PDB file of N, CA and C in Angstrom:
ATOM      1  N   MET A   1       0.867  -1.267  -0.058  1.00  0.00           N
ATOM      2  CA  MET A   1      -0.035  -0.044  -0.018  1.00  0.00           C
ATOM      3  C   MET A   1       0.928   1.218  -0.045  1.00  0.00           C
ATOM      4  N   SER A   2       0.597   2.086  -0.880  1.00  0.00           N
ATOM      5  CA  SER A   2       1.431   3.435  -0.932  1.00  0.00           C
ATOM      6  C   SER A   2       1.195   4.264   0.208  1.00  0.00           C
ATOM      7  N   ASP A   3       2.285   5.078   0.518  1.00  0.00           N
ATOM      8  CA  ASP A   3       2.076   6.083   1.617  1.00  0.00           C
ATOM      9  C   ASP A   3       0.893   6.969   1.580  1.00  0.00           C
ATOM     10  N   ILE A   4       0.563   7.359   0.198  1.00  0.00           N
ATOM     11  CA  ILE A   4      -0.705   8.348   0.004  1.00  0.00           C
ATOM     12  C   ILE A   4      -1.876   7.433   0.449  1.00  0.00           C
ATOM     13  N   ARG A   5      -1.928   6.342  -0.007  1.00  0.00           N
ATOM     14  CA  ARG A   5      -3.180   5.440   0.052  1.00  0.00           C
ATOM     15  C   ARG A   5      -3.231   4.918   1.632  1.00  0.00           C
ATOM     16  N   ARG A   6      -2.166   4.788   2.288  1.00  0.00           N
ATOM     17  CA  ARG A   6      -2.250   4.364   3.673  1.00  0.00           C
ATOM     18  C   ARG A   6      -2.553   5.606   4.377  1.00  0.00           C
ATOM     19  N   ARG A   7      -2.223   6.730   4.117  1.00  0.00           N
ATOM     20  CA  ARG A   7      -2.586   7.981   4.881  1.00  0.00           C
ATOM     21  C   ARG A   7      -4.079   8.160   4.596  1.00  0.00           C
ATOM     22  N   GLU A   8      -4.622   8.086   3.426  1.00  0.00           N
ATOM     23  CA  GLU A   8      -6.053   8.197   3.299  1.00  0.00           C
ATOM     24  C   GLU A   8      -6.765   7.211   4.084  1.00  0.00           C
ATOM     25  N   PHE A   9      -6.406   5.984   4.145  1.00  0.00           N
ATOM     26  CA  PHE A   9      -7.164   4.958   4.703  1.00  0.00           C
ATOM     27  C   PHE A   9      -7.130   5.271   6.111  1.00  0.00           C
ATOM     28  N   MET A  10      -5.979   5.834   6.815  1.00  0.00           N
ATOM     29  CA  MET A  10      -5.900   6.207   8.200  1.00  0.00           C
ATOM     30  C   MET A  10      -6.755   7.327   8.427  1.00  0.00           C
ATOM     31  N   MET A  11      -6.946   8.333   7.584  1.00  0.00           N
ATOM     32  CA  MET A  11      -7.811   9.546   7.756  1.00  0.00           C
ATOM     33  C   MET A  11      -9.331   8.907   7.688  1.00  0.00           C
ATOM     34  N   LEU A  12      -9.402   8.138   6.857  1.00  0.00           N
ATOM     35  CA  LEU A  12     -10.813   7.620   6.699  1.00  0.00           C
ATOM     36  C   LEU A  12     -11.250   7.090   7.919  1.00  0.00           C
ATOM     37  N   LEU A  13     -10.416   6.021   8.437  1.00  0.00           N
ATOM     38  CA  LEU A  13     -10.738   5.480   9.759  1.00  0.00           C
ATOM     39  C   LEU A  13     -10.881   6.306  10.935  1.00  0.00           C
ATOM     40  N   GLY A  14      -9.974   7.286  10.932  1.00  0.00           N
ATOM     41  CA  GLY A  14      -9.851   8.322  12.002  1.00  0.00           C
ATOM     42  C   GLY A  14     -11.166   9.208  11.960  1.00  0.00           C
ATOM     43  N   GLY A  15     -11.389   9.599  10.602  1.00  0.00           N
ATOM     44  CA  GLY A  15     -12.646  10.468  10.524  1.00  0.00           C
ATOM     45  C   GLY A  15     -13.899   9.763  10.880  1.00  0.00           C
ATOM     46  N   ALA A  16     -14.103   8.372  10.572  1.00  0.00           N
ATOM     47  CA  ALA A  16     -15.192   7.560  10.881  1.00  0.00           C
ATOM     48  C   ALA A  16     -15.284   7.543  12.488  1.00  0.00           C
ATOM     49  N   ALA A  17     -14.149   7.247  13.041  1.00  0.00           N
ATOM     50  CA  ALA A  17     -14.312   7.156  14.463  1.00  0.00           C
ATOM     51  C   ALA A  17     -14.595   8.408  15.219  1.00  0.00           C
ATOM     52  N   THR A  18     -13.837   9.381  14.657  1.00  0.00           N
ATOM     53  CA  THR A  18     -14.013  10.694  15.529  1.00  0.00           C
ATOM     54  C   THR A  18     -15.160  11.548  15.008  1.00  0.00           C
ATOM     55  N   ALA A  19     -15.640  11.294  13.819  1.00  0.00           N
ATOM     56  CA  ALA A  19     -16.752  12.284  13.373  1.00  0.00           C
ATOM     57  C   ALA A  19     -18.171  11.633  13.419  1.00  0.00           C
ATOM     58  N   SER A  20     -18.173  10.781  14.485  1.00  0.00           N
ATOM     59  CA  SER A  20     -19.698  10.161  14.646  1.00  0.00           C
ATOM     60  C   SER A  20     -20.237  10.820  15.703  1.00  0.00           C
ATOM     61  N   TRP A  21     -21.313  11.428  15.713  1.00  0.00           N
ATOM     62  CA  TRP A  21     -22.029  11.943  16.709  1.00  0.00           C
ATOM     63  C   TRP A  21     -23.604  12.133  16.370  1.00  0.00           C
ATOM     64  N   PRO A  22     -24.651  12.365  17.209  1.00  0.00           N
ATOM     65  CA  PRO A  22     -25.877  12.443  16.869  1.00  0.00           C
ATOM     66  C   PRO A  22     -26.142  13.947  16.409  1.00  0.00           C
ATOM     67  N   PHE A  23     -27.237  14.113  15.448  1.00  0.00           N
ATOM     68  CA  PHE A  23     -27.527  15.304  14.891  1.00  0.00           C
ATOM     69  C   PHE A  23     -29.066  15.500  15.115  1.00  0.00           C
ATOM     70  N   ALA A  24     -29.456  16.788  15.109  1.00  0.00           N
ATOM     71  CA  ALA A  24     -30.873  17.055  15.211  1.00  0.00           C
ATOM     72  C   ALA A  24     -31.752  16.462  13.953  1.00  0.00           C
ATOM     73  N   ALA A  25     -32.618  15.676  14.395  1.00  0.00           N
ATOM     74  CA  ALA A  25     -33.398  14.909  13.190  1.00  0.00           C
ATOM     75  C   ALA A  25     -34.674  15.568  13.040  1.00  0.00           C
ATOM     76  N   ARG A  26     -35.570  15.133  12.117  1.00  0.00           N
ATOM     77  CA  ARG A  26     -36.899  15.679  11.999  1.00  0.00           C
ATOM     78  C   ARG A  26     -37.627  15.329  13.350  1.00  0.00           C
ATOM     79  N   ALA A  27     -38.686  16.044  13.398  1.00  0.00           N
ATOM     80  CA  ALA A  27     -39.482  16.128  14.623  1.00  0.00           C
ATOM     81  C   ALA A  27     -39.938  14.669  14.971  1.00  0.00           C
ATOM     82  N   GLN A  28     -40.009  14.287  16.265  1.00  0.00           N
ATOM     83  CA  GLN A  28     -40.496  12.906  16.611  1.00  0.00           C
ATOM     84  C   GLN A  28     -39.690  11.697  16.310  1.00  0.00           C
ATOM     85  N   GLN A  29     -38.465  11.887  15.558  1.00  0.00           N
ATOM     86  CA  GLN A  29     -37.563  10.873  15.043  1.00  0.00           C
ATOM     87  C   GLN A  29     -36.348  10.804  15.928  1.00  0.00           C
ATOM     88  N   PRO A  30     -35.892   9.633  16.369  1.00  0.00           N
ATOM     89  CA  PRO A  30     -34.626   9.640  17.207  1.00  0.00           C
ATOM     90  C   PRO A  30     -33.603  10.158  16.300  1.00  0.00           C
ATOM     91  N   ALA A  31     -32.394  10.826  16.877  1.00  0.00           N
ATOM     92  CA  ALA A  31     -31.298  11.291  16.179  1.00  0.00           C
ATOM     93  C   ALA A  31     -30.453  10.135  15.610  1.00  0.00           C
ATOM     94  N   LEU A  32     -29.840  10.361  14.283  1.00  0.00           N
ATOM     95  CA  LEU A  32     -29.119   9.412  13.898  1.00  0.00           C
ATOM     96  C   LEU A  32     -27.706   9.673  14.163  1.00  0.00           C
ATOM     97  N   PRO A  33     -26.891   8.709  14.372  1.00  0.00           N
ATOM     98  CA  PRO A  33     -25.345   8.713  14.400  1.00  0.00           C
ATOM     99  C   PRO A  33     -24.784   9.312  12.944  1.00  0.00           C
ATOM    100  N   VAL A  34     -23.958  10.113  13.130  1.00  0.00           N
ATOM    101  CA  VAL A  34     -23.260  10.627  11.681  1.00  0.00           C
ATOM    102  C   VAL A  34     -21.978  10.220  11.620  1.00  0.00           C
ATOM    103  N   VAL A  35     -21.517   9.568  10.412  1.00  0.00           N
ATOM    104  CA  VAL A  35     -20.176   9.000  10.197  1.00  0.00           C
ATOM    105  C   VAL A  35     -19.709  10.010   9.184  1.00  0.00           C
ATOM    106  N   GLY A  36     -18.611  10.671   9.449  1.00  0.00           N
ATOM    107  CA  GLY A  36     -17.861  11.561   8.366  1.00  0.00           C
ATOM    108  C   GLY A  36     -16.778  10.739   7.658  1.00  0.00           C
ATOM    109  N   PHE A  37     -16.919  10.965   6.332  1.00  0.00           N
ATOM    110  CA  PHE A  37     -16.008  10.402   5.366  1.00  0.00           C
ATOM    111  C   PHE A  37     -15.086  11.428   4.856  1.00  0.00           C
ATOM    112  N   LEU A  38     -14.009  11.525   5.017  1.00  0.00           N
ATOM    113  CA  LEU A  38     -13.066  12.616   4.744  1.00  0.00           C
ATOM    114  C   LEU A  38     -11.893  12.019   3.915  1.00  0.00           C
ATOM    115  N   SER A  39     -11.772  12.621   2.578  1.00  0.00           N
ATOM    116  CA  SER A  39     -10.828  12.050   1.630  1.00  0.00           C
ATOM    117  C   SER A  39      -9.963  13.333   1.176  1.00  0.00           C
ATOM    118  N   GLY A  40      -8.552  12.969   0.904  1.00  0.00           N
ATOM    119  CA  GLY A  40      -7.705  13.913   0.250  1.00  0.00           C
ATOM    120  C   GLY A  40      -7.981  13.964  -1.334  1.00  0.00           C
ATOM    121  N   ARG A  41      -8.594  13.078  -1.757  1.00  0.00           N
ATOM    122  CA  ARG A  41      -8.993  12.999  -3.235  1.00  0.00           C
ATOM    123  C   ARG A  41     -10.200  13.881  -3.597  1.00  0.00           C
ATOM    124  N   ALA A  42     -10.348  13.748  -5.062  1.00  0.00           N
ATOM    125  CA  ALA A  42     -11.565  14.119  -5.476  1.00  0.00           C
ATOM    126  C   ALA A  42     -12.675  13.286  -5.439  1.00  0.00           C
ATOM    127  N   ARG A  43     -14.119  13.612  -5.347  1.00  0.00           N
ATOM    128  CA  ARG A  43     -15.194  12.746  -5.241  1.00  0.00           C
ATOM    129  C   ARG A  43     -15.057  11.686  -6.446  1.00  0.00           C
ATOM    130  N   GLU A  44     -14.689  12.212  -7.569  1.00  0.00           N
ATOM    131  CA  GLU A  44     -14.735  11.130  -8.903  1.00  0.00           C
ATOM    132  C   GLU A  44     -13.556  10.216  -8.538  1.00  0.00           C
ATOM    133  N   GLU A  45     -12.622  10.564  -7.808  1.00  0.00           N
ATOM    134  CA  GLU A  45     -11.560   9.552  -7.822  1.00  0.00           C
ATOM    135  C   GLU A  45     -11.806   8.583  -6.537  1.00  0.00           C
ATOM    136  N   SER A  46     -12.733   8.646  -5.866  1.00  0.00           N
ATOM    137  CA  SER A  46     -12.874   8.008  -4.619  1.00  0.00           C
ATOM    138  C   SER A  46     -14.353   7.093  -4.750  1.00  0.00           C
ATOM    139  N   ALA A  47     -14.890   7.011  -5.938  1.00  0.00           N
ATOM    140  CA  ALA A  47     -16.028   6.294  -6.062  1.00  0.00           C
ATOM    141  C   ALA A  47     -16.023   4.803  -5.498  1.00  0.00           C
ATOM    142  N   ASP A  48     -14.896   4.220  -5.811  1.00  0.00           N
ATOM    143  CA  ASP A  48     -14.736   2.675  -5.294  1.00  0.00           C
ATOM    144  C   ASP A  48     -14.544   2.629  -3.759  1.00  0.00           C
ATOM    145  N   ASP A  49     -13.739   3.616  -3.320  1.00  0.00           N
ATOM    146  CA  ASP A  49     -13.543   3.648  -1.865  1.00  0.00           C
ATOM    147  C   ASP A  49     -14.905   4.012  -1.138  1.00  0.00           C
ATOM    148  N   VAL A  50     -15.623   4.920  -1.579  1.00  0.00           N
ATOM    149  CA  VAL A  50     -16.916   5.397  -1.035  1.00  0.00           C
ATOM    150  C   VAL A  50     -17.972   3.995  -1.155  1.00  0.00           C
ATOM    151  N   ALA A  51     -17.885   3.327  -2.353  1.00  0.00           N
ATOM    152  CA  ALA A  51     -18.640   2.016  -2.445  1.00  0.00           C
ATOM    153  C   ALA A  51     -18.360   1.094  -1.375  1.00  0.00           C
ATOM    154  N   ALA A  52     -16.962   0.800  -1.224  1.00  0.00           N
ATOM    155  CA  ALA A  52     -16.383  -0.098  -0.189  1.00  0.00           C
ATOM    156  C   ALA A  52     -16.921   0.283   1.081  1.00  0.00           C
ATOM    157  N   PHE A  53     -16.637   1.549   1.428  1.00  0.00           N
ATOM    158  CA  PHE A  53     -16.954   2.060   2.933  1.00  0.00           C
ATOM    159  C   PHE A  53     -18.486   1.830   3.060  1.00  0.00           C
ATOM    160  N   ARG A  54     -19.412   2.161   2.140  1.00  0.00           N
ATOM    161  CA  ARG A  54     -20.842   1.866   2.371  1.00  0.00           C
ATOM    162  C   ARG A  54     -21.110   0.492   2.505  1.00  0.00           C
ATOM    163  N   GLN A  55     -20.643  -0.327   1.701  1.00  0.00           N
ATOM    164  CA  GLN A  55     -20.649  -1.754   1.886  1.00  0.00           C
ATOM    165  C   GLN A  55     -20.334  -2.321   3.259  1.00  0.00           C
ATOM    166  N   GLY A  56     -19.070  -1.844   3.589  1.00  0.00           N
ATOM    167  CA  GLY A  56     -18.598  -2.159   4.975  1.00  0.00           C
ATOM    168  C   GLY A  56     -19.619  -1.783   6.175  1.00  0.00           C
ATOM    169  N   LEU A  57     -20.111  -0.580   6.053  1.00  0.00           N
ATOM    170  CA  LEU A  57     -21.302  -0.052   6.917  1.00  0.00           C
ATOM    171  C   LEU A  57     -22.391  -1.098   6.922  1.00  0.00           C
ATOM    172  N   LYS A  58     -22.801  -1.536   5.619  1.00  0.00           N
ATOM    173  CA  LYS A  58     -23.913  -2.257   5.462  1.00  0.00           C
ATOM    174  C   LYS A  58     -23.676  -3.727   6.094  1.00  0.00           C
ATOM    175  N   GLU A  59     -22.573  -4.104   5.855  1.00  0.00           N
ATOM    176  CA  GLU A  59     -22.147  -5.563   6.485  1.00  0.00           C
ATOM    177  C   GLU A  59     -22.168  -5.467   7.974  1.00  0.00           C
ATOM    178  N   MET A  60     -21.991  -4.260   8.618  1.00  0.00           N
ATOM    179  CA  MET A  60     -21.958  -4.206  10.105  1.00  0.00           C
ATOM    180  C   MET A  60     -23.450  -3.876  10.599  1.00  0.00           C
ATOM    181  N   GLY A  61     -24.424  -3.696   9.572  1.00  0.00           N
ATOM    182  CA  GLY A  61     -25.770  -3.481  10.177  1.00  0.00           C
ATOM    183  C   GLY A  61     -26.166  -2.063  10.003  1.00  0.00           C
ATOM    184  N   TYR A  62     -25.465  -1.168   9.257  1.00  0.00           N
ATOM    185  CA  TYR A  62     -25.794   0.199   9.249  1.00  0.00           C
ATOM    186  C   TYR A  62     -26.636   0.358   7.869  1.00  0.00           C
ATOM    187  N   ILE A  63     -27.524   1.184   7.745  1.00  0.00           N
ATOM    188  CA  ILE A  63     -28.098   1.401   6.695  1.00  0.00           C
ATOM    189  C   ILE A  63     -28.272   2.961   6.363  1.00  0.00           C
ATOM    190  N   ILE A  64     -27.470   3.336   5.412  1.00  0.00           N
ATOM    191  CA  ILE A  64     -27.442   5.022   5.229  1.00  0.00           C
ATOM    192  C   ILE A  64     -28.891   5.564   5.263  1.00  0.00           C
ATOM    193  N   ASP A  65     -29.092   6.504   6.043  1.00  0.00           N
ATOM    194  CA  ASP A  65     -30.254   7.328   6.086  1.00  0.00           C
ATOM    195  C   ASP A  65     -31.492   6.674   6.840  1.00  0.00           C
ATOM    196  N   ARG A  66     -31.211   5.541   7.274  1.00  0.00           N
ATOM    197  CA  ARG A  66     -32.153   4.649   8.177  1.00  0.00           C
ATOM    198  C   ARG A  66     -31.648   4.587   9.677  1.00  0.00           C
ATOM    199  N   ASN A  67     -30.513   4.228   9.909  1.00  0.00           N
ATOM    200  CA  ASN A  67     -29.851   4.208  11.227  1.00  0.00           C
ATOM    201  C   ASN A  67     -28.447   4.672  11.275  1.00  0.00           C
ATOM    202  N   VAL A  68     -28.065   5.489  10.288  1.00  0.00           N
ATOM    203  CA  VAL A  68     -26.697   6.244  10.345  1.00  0.00           C
ATOM    204  C   VAL A  68     -26.923   7.168   9.067  1.00  0.00           C
ATOM    205  N   ALA A  69     -26.241   8.264   9.502  1.00  0.00           N
ATOM    206  CA  ALA A  69     -26.034   9.284   8.553  1.00  0.00           C
ATOM    207  C   ALA A  69     -24.654   9.343   7.822  1.00  0.00           C
ATOM    208  N   LEU A  70     -24.402   9.663   6.632  1.00  0.00           N
ATOM    209  CA  LEU A  70     -23.039   9.670   6.170  1.00  0.00           C
ATOM    210  C   LEU A  70     -22.747  11.145   5.481  1.00  0.00           C
ATOM    211  N   GLU A  71     -21.725  11.773   5.959  1.00  0.00           N
ATOM    212  CA  GLU A  71     -21.250  13.112   5.575  1.00  0.00           C
ATOM    213  C   GLU A  71     -20.027  12.929   4.841  1.00  0.00           C
ATOM    214  N   HIS A  72     -19.797  13.469   3.605  1.00  0.00           N
ATOM    215  CA  HIS A  72     -18.584  13.516   2.795  1.00  0.00           C
ATOM    216  C   HIS A  72     -17.832  14.823   2.814  1.00  0.00           C
ATOM    217  N   ARG A  73     -16.603  14.825   2.718  1.00  0.00           N
ATOM    218  CA  ARG A  73     -15.784  15.901   2.590  1.00  0.00           C
ATOM    219  C   ARG A  73     -14.561  15.531   1.694  1.00  0.00           C
ATOM    220  N   TRP A  74     -14.425  16.331   0.720  1.00  0.00           N
ATOM    221  CA  TRP A  74     -13.237  16.040  -0.193  1.00  0.00           C
ATOM    222  C   TRP A  74     -12.321  17.374  -0.342  1.00  0.00           C
ATOM    223  N   SER A  75     -11.205  17.108  -0.279  1.00  0.00           N
ATOM    224  CA  SER A  75     -10.119  17.947  -0.348  1.00  0.00           C
ATOM    225  C   SER A  75      -9.516  18.451  -1.721  1.00  0.00           C
ATOM    226  N   GLU A  76      -9.972  17.404  -2.696  1.00  0.00           N
ATOM    227  CA  GLU A  76      -9.632  17.757  -4.048  1.00  0.00           C
ATOM    228  C   GLU A  76      -7.925  17.738  -4.252  1.00  0.00           C
ATOM    229  N   GLY A  77      -7.310  17.066  -3.461  1.00  0.00           N
ATOM    230  CA  GLY A  77      -5.733  16.994  -3.662  1.00  0.00           C
ATOM    231  C   GLY A  77      -5.021  17.875  -2.950  1.00  0.00           C
ATOM    232  N   ARG A  78      -5.787  18.925  -2.147  1.00  0.00           N
ATOM    233  CA  ARG A  78      -5.289  19.994  -1.518  1.00  0.00           C
ATOM    234  C   ARG A  78      -5.129  19.607  -0.013  1.00  0.00           C
ATOM    235  N   ASP A  79      -4.064  18.946   0.315  1.00  0.00           N
ATOM    236  CA  ASP A  79      -4.010  18.570   1.795  1.00  0.00           C
ATOM    237  C   ASP A  79      -4.137  19.451   2.740  1.00  0.00           C
ATOM    238  N   GLU A  80      -3.813  20.611   2.514  1.00  0.00           N
ATOM    239  CA  GLU A  80      -3.780  21.681   3.455  1.00  0.00           C
ATOM    240  C   GLU A  80      -5.314  21.924   3.892  1.00  0.00           C
ATOM    241  N   ARG A  81      -6.047  21.595   3.105  1.00  0.00           N
ATOM    242  CA  ARG A  81      -7.572  21.714   3.438  1.00  0.00           C
ATOM    243  C   ARG A  81      -8.131  20.694   4.339  1.00  0.00           C
ATOM    244  N   LEU A  82      -7.399  19.631   4.541  1.00  0.00           N
ATOM    245  CA  LEU A  82      -7.853  18.458   5.297  1.00  0.00           C
ATOM    246  C   LEU A  82      -8.128  18.902   6.833  1.00  0.00           C
ATOM    247  N   PRO A  83      -7.421  19.722   7.567  1.00  0.00           N
ATOM    248  CA  PRO A  83      -7.825  20.042   8.843  1.00  0.00           C
ATOM    249  C   PRO A  83      -9.020  20.874   8.948  1.00  0.00           C
ATOM    250  N   GLU A  84      -9.219  21.696   7.804  1.00  0.00           N
ATOM    251  CA  GLU A  84     -10.307  22.526   7.934  1.00  0.00           C
ATOM    252  C   GLU A  84     -11.600  21.631   7.611  1.00  0.00           C
ATOM    253  N   LEU A  85     -11.537  20.727   6.821  1.00  0.00           N
ATOM    254  CA  LEU A  85     -12.675  19.750   6.621  1.00  0.00           C
ATOM    255  C   LEU A  85     -13.012  19.002   7.501  1.00  0.00           C
ATOM    256  N   ALA A  86     -11.959  18.551   8.278  1.00  0.00           N
ATOM    257  CA  ALA A  86     -12.185  17.547   9.505  1.00  0.00           C
ATOM    258  C   ALA A  86     -12.850  18.407  10.605  1.00  0.00           C
ATOM    259  N   ALA A  87     -12.323  19.631  10.888  1.00  0.00           N
ATOM    260  CA  ALA A  87     -13.075  20.543  11.853  1.00  0.00           C
ATOM    261  C   ALA A  87     -14.549  20.774  11.560  1.00  0.00           C
ATOM    262  N   GLU A  88     -14.949  20.936  10.176  1.00  0.00           N
ATOM    263  CA  GLU A  88     -16.215  21.137   9.689  1.00  0.00           C
ATOM    264  C   GLU A  88     -17.021  20.023  10.095  1.00  0.00           C
ATOM    265  N   LEU A  89     -16.491  18.881   9.992  1.00  0.00           N
ATOM    266  CA  LEU A  89     -17.296  17.607  10.324  1.00  0.00           C
ATOM    267  C   LEU A  89     -17.609  17.590  11.639  1.00  0.00           C
ATOM    268  N   VAL A  90     -16.542  17.987  12.596  1.00  0.00           N
ATOM    269  CA  VAL A  90     -16.623  17.860  14.005  1.00  0.00           C
ATOM    270  C   VAL A  90     -17.736  18.869  14.559  1.00  0.00           C
ATOM    271  N   ARG A  91     -17.655  20.047  13.725  1.00  0.00           N
ATOM    272  CA  ARG A  91     -18.537  21.122  14.305  1.00  0.00           C
ATOM    273  C   ARG A  91     -20.115  20.910  13.787  1.00  0.00           C
ATOM    274  N   ARG A  92     -20.251  19.910  12.903  1.00  0.00           N
ATOM    275  CA  ARG A  92     -21.471  19.814  12.498  1.00  0.00           C
ATOM    276  C   ARG A  92     -22.565  19.511  13.423  1.00  0.00           C
ATOM    277  N   GLN A  93     -23.628  19.987  13.589  1.00  0.00           N
ATOM    278  CA  GLN A  93     -24.561  19.936  14.620  1.00  0.00           C
ATOM    279  C   GLN A  93     -25.718  18.799  14.244  1.00  0.00           C
TER     280      GLN A  93
END
């Protein structure tokens, strides 16, 4: 695994672990936990990774928009944006 891919994988896992929190849902519905997906690449370049991540969530019993919400952030190859995007996920109410 290349250093870049390893770094993206670690950011993905770290983002998923740290960016999970409840958010205000529609009236009378329980809050869903939110998982943040943070990538240093462009959305178009990450389609396979996103599909694999969603499949992994599904295999663990999570269904997007039913019992978990998924938020994506992409730095488009601009690594200097990653801290800002991570902070945005953490601040999400």
